[in-house]
Amino acid sequence: MTGSNYWFTGINQNIGNGGYSIAYGTGFTSDKTKLIITPSGNVGIGTTGPSERFVVKDAGDSWSDAH
């Protein structure tokens, strides 16, 4: 079905760090990624490049846990 949204999971080669991603949309691209786990173990929600252990971004706001 053209134009339908789907959930995608797996190693996303479209993202530079190649982490495990969960995406929702019409394709498995970085702009559709909802959650990523990088090879270094950082987790990002709403971002494809978490610089700390746990980063959440929403509409320009962000929160992180550097502990």
Protein backbone atom coordinates (compact mmCIF):
# COMPACT_ATOMS: atom_id res chain seq x y z
CA MET A 1 0.00 0.00 0.00
CA THR A 2 1.64 3.20 -1.15
CA GLY A 3 1.78 6.00 1.40
CA SER A 4 0.89 3.84 4.39
CA ASN A 5 2.86 4.12 7.62
CA TYR A 6 4.57 1.08 9.11
CA TRP A 7 6.82 0.29 12.08
CA PHE A 8 10.43 -0.59 11.14
CA THR A 9 13.03 -2.14 13.46
CA GLY A 10 16.62 -3.18 12.98
CA ILE A 11 20.05 -1.84 12.08
CA ASN A 12 19.41 1.33 10.09
CA GLN A 13 22.21 1.81 7.56
CA ASN A 14 20.76 5.24 6.66
CA ILE A 15 21.99 6.62 9.99
CA GLY A 16 25.70 7.35 10.26
CA ASN A 17 26.30 5.43 13.49
CA GLY A 18 24.38 2.35 12.31
CA GLY A 19 22.64 1.78 15.62
CA TYR A 20 19.57 -0.32 16.28
CA SER A 21 16.51 1.77 15.47
CA ILE A 22 12.75 1.78 15.75
CA ALA A 23 11.06 3.99 13.16
CA TYR A 24 7.51 4.76 12.09
CA GLY A 25 6.56 6.08 8.69
CA THR A 26 6.67 5.27 5.02
CA GLY A 27 10.35 4.27 5.06
CA PHE A 28 13.25 3.35 7.33
CA THR A 29 15.00 6.73 7.29
CA SER A 30 16.63 8.81 10.00
CA ASP A 31 13.84 11.41 9.99
CA LYS A 32 11.33 8.65 10.84
CA THR A 33 13.39 7.19 13.70
CA LYS A 34 11.64 7.29 17.06
CA LEU A 35 14.24 5.44 19.18
CA ILE A 36 17.87 4.48 18.65
CA ILE A 37 20.45 2.48 20.56
CA THR A 38 23.94 3.38 19.34
CA PRO A 39 26.82 0.90 19.13
CA SER A 40 28.33 2.63 22.19
CA GLY A 41 25.14 1.96 24.19
CA ASN A 42 23.65 5.45 24.20
CA VAL A 43 19.86 5.58 23.90
CA GLY A 44 18.02 8.37 22.13
CA ILE A 45 14.31 9.08 21.87
CA GLY A 46 13.48 11.76 19.32
CA THR A 47 17.11 12.00 18.20
CA THR A 48 19.38 9.87 16.04
CA GLY A 49 22.59 11.08 17.69
CA PRO A 50 22.42 10.80 21.47
CA SER A 51 25.68 12.11 22.93
CA GLU A 52 25.01 10.77 26.43
CA ARG A 53 23.71 7.55 27.96
CA PHE A 54 20.02 8.57 27.71
CA VAL A 55 18.68 11.54 25.72
CA VAL A 56 15.06 12.52 25.08
CA LYS A 57 14.21 15.31 22.63
CA ASP A 58 10.81 16.76 21.84
CA ALA A 59 10.15 19.85 19.70
CA GLY A 60 13.48 21.51 20.46
CA ASP A 61 13.54 20.65 24.16
CA SER A 62 15.86 18.00 25.48
CA TRP A 63 16.61 16.13 28.69
CA SER A 64 19.55 13.86 29.34
CA ASP A 65 20.92 11.72 32.12
CA ALA A 66 24.71 11.90 32.24
CA HIS A 67 25.04 9.69 35.33
